[in-house]
């Protein structure tokens, strides 16, 4: 890929990625499977531990998705 193609590809992927990451929490919480997991989780752990645990799930999911995106961009720019 030449430099122009790299810039265009990075721009297109960024335009697709950023809105998806903005709406990802809405999509995840809207899914029935995750809602069931969180419901069962609330019975297994103390109530004070549920919010930090949910936050850590969200952070890990976001970090994995961002890591994959960064890997793809790094592969484009090699």
C-alpha atoms as a PDB file:
ATOM      1  CA  UNK A   1       0.000   0.000   0.000  1.00  0.00           C
ATOM      2  CA  UNK A   2       1.218   3.454  -0.747  1.00  0.00           C
ATOM      3  CA  UNK A   3       0.909   6.292   1.754  1.00  0.00           C
ATOM      4  CA  UNK A   4      -2.343   7.669   0.304  1.00  0.00           C
ATOM      5  CA  UNK A   5      -4.005   4.257   0.489  1.00  0.00           C
ATOM      6  CA  UNK A   6      -2.823   3.862   4.074  1.00  0.00           C
ATOM      7  CA  UNK A   7      -4.280   7.233   5.066  1.00  0.00           C
ATOM      8  CA  UNK A   8      -7.606   6.528   3.328  1.00  0.00           C
ATOM      9  CA  UNK A   9      -7.874   3.053   4.848  1.00  0.00           C
ATOM     10  CA  UNK A  10      -7.063   4.357   8.326  1.00  0.00           C
ATOM     11  CA  UNK A  11      -9.638   7.130   7.943  1.00  0.00           C
ATOM     12  CA  UNK A  12     -12.380   4.779   6.764  1.00  0.00           C
ATOM     13  CA  UNK A  13     -11.717   2.280   9.544  1.00  0.00           C
ATOM     14  CA  UNK A  14     -11.668   5.074  12.127  1.00  0.00           C
ATOM     15  CA  UNK A  15     -14.972   6.439  10.864  1.00  0.00           C
ATOM     16  CA  UNK A  16     -16.473   2.963  11.255  1.00  0.00           C
ATOM     17  CA  UNK A  17     -14.787   2.176  14.565  1.00  0.00           C
ATOM     18  CA  UNK A  18     -15.385   5.301  16.652  1.00  0.00           C
ATOM     19  CA  UNK A  19     -19.202   5.369  16.396  1.00  0.00           C
ATOM     20  CA  UNK A  20     -19.318   1.618  16.983  1.00  0.00           C
ATOM     21  CA  UNK A  21     -17.328   2.024  20.198  1.00  0.00           C
ATOM     22  CA  UNK A  22     -19.619   4.857  21.280  1.00  0.00           C
ATOM     23  CA  UNK A  23     -22.706   2.661  20.874  1.00  0.00           C
ATOM     24  CA  UNK A  24     -21.105  -0.612  22.065  1.00  0.00           C
ATOM     25  CA  UNK A  25     -22.331  -0.317  25.678  1.00  0.00           C
ATOM     26  CA  UNK A  26     -25.883   0.273  24.430  1.00  0.00           C
ATOM     27  CA  UNK A  27     -25.711  -2.784  22.169  1.00  0.00           C
ATOM     28  CA  UNK A  28     -24.201  -4.961  24.888  1.00  0.00           C
ATOM     29  CA  UNK A  29     -26.689  -4.007  27.570  1.00  0.00           C
ATOM     30  CA  UNK A  30     -29.506  -4.421  25.080  1.00  0.00           C
ATOM     31  CA  UNK A  31     -28.581  -8.019  24.364  1.00  0.00           C
ATOM     32  CA  UNK A  32     -30.522 -10.642  26.258  1.00  0.00           C
ATOM     33  CA  UNK A  33     -27.493 -12.838  26.927  1.00  0.00           C
ATOM     34  CA  UNK A  34     -25.551 -10.136  28.747  1.00  0.00           C
ATOM     35  CA  UNK A  35     -28.637  -9.084  30.645  1.00  0.00           C
ATOM     36  CA  UNK A  36     -29.074 -12.665  31.876  1.00  0.00           C
ATOM     37  CA  UNK A  37     -25.420 -12.870  32.924  1.00  0.00           C
ATOM     38  CA  UNK A  38     -25.719  -9.630  34.889  1.00  0.00           C
ATOM     39  CA  UNK A  39     -28.966 -10.807  36.474  1.00  0.00           C
ATOM     40  CA  UNK A  40     -27.394 -14.071  37.673  1.00  0.00           C
ATOM     41  CA  UNK A  41     -24.262 -12.219  38.733  1.00  0.00           C
ATOM     42  CA  UNK A  42     -26.304 -10.017  41.037  1.00  0.00           C
ATOM     43  CA  UNK A  43     -27.356 -13.132  42.953  1.00  0.00           C
ATOM     44  CA  UNK A  44     -23.837 -14.576  43.211  1.00  0.00           C
ATOM     45  CA  UNK A  45     -21.872 -11.586  44.498  1.00  0.00           C
ATOM     46  CA  UNK A  46     -22.636  -8.978  47.155  1.00  0.00           C
ATOM     47  CA  UNK A  47     -24.579  -5.962  45.945  1.00  0.00           C
ATOM     48  CA  UNK A  48     -21.674  -3.589  46.578  1.00  0.00           C
ATOM     49  CA  UNK A  49     -19.449  -5.625  44.218  1.00  0.00           C
ATOM     50  CA  UNK A  50     -21.780  -5.663  41.195  1.00  0.00           C
ATOM     51  CA  UNK A  51     -21.052  -2.114  39.869  1.00  0.00           C
ATOM     52  CA  UNK A  52     -17.233  -2.477  39.981  1.00  0.00           C
ATOM     53  CA  UNK A  53     -17.496  -5.924  38.411  1.00  0.00           C
ATOM     54  CA  UNK A  54     -19.717  -4.626  35.603  1.00  0.00           C
ATOM     55  CA  UNK A  55     -17.307  -1.740  35.074  1.00  0.00           C
ATOM     56  CA  UNK A  56     -14.376  -4.130  34.811  1.00  0.00           C
ATOM     57  CA  UNK A  57     -16.249  -6.247  32.240  1.00  0.00           C
ATOM     58  CA  UNK A  58     -16.928  -3.122  30.184  1.00  0.00           C
ATOM     59  CA  UNK A  59     -13.320  -1.938  30.466  1.00  0.00           C
ATOM     60  CA  UNK A  60     -11.915  -5.316  29.449  1.00  0.00           C
ATOM     61  CA  UNK A  61     -14.291  -5.578  26.492  1.00  0.00           C
ATOM     62  CA  UNK A  62     -13.412  -2.060  25.373  1.00  0.00           C
ATOM     63  CA  UNK A  63      -9.673  -2.738  25.770  1.00  0.00           C
ATOM     64  CA  UNK A  64      -9.851  -5.926  23.699  1.00  0.00           C
ATOM     65  CA  UNK A  65     -11.772  -4.192  20.927  1.00  0.00           C
ATOM     66  CA  UNK A  66      -9.389  -1.222  20.929  1.00  0.00           C
ATOM     67  CA  UNK A  67      -6.410  -3.591  20.888  1.00  0.00           C
ATOM     68  CA  UNK A  68      -7.749  -5.379  17.819  1.00  0.00           C
ATOM     69  CA  UNK A  69      -8.362  -2.056  16.094  1.00  0.00           C
ATOM     70  CA  UNK A  70      -4.845  -0.874  16.943  1.00  0.00           C
ATOM     71  CA  UNK A  71      -3.389  -4.140  15.615  1.00  0.00           C
ATOM     72  CA  UNK A  72      -5.257  -3.710  12.314  1.00  0.00           C
ATOM     73  CA  UNK A  73      -4.048  -0.113  11.968  1.00  0.00           C
ATOM     74  CA  UNK A  74      -0.474  -1.166  12.775  1.00  0.00           C
ATOM     75  CA  UNK A  75      -0.667  -3.867  10.080  1.00  0.00           C
ATOM     76  CA  UNK A  76      -1.858  -1.275   7.557  1.00  0.00           C
ATOM     77  CA  UNK A  77       1.042   1.068   8.332  1.00  0.00           C
ATOM     78  CA  UNK A  78       3.797  -1.550   7.995  1.00  0.00           C
END
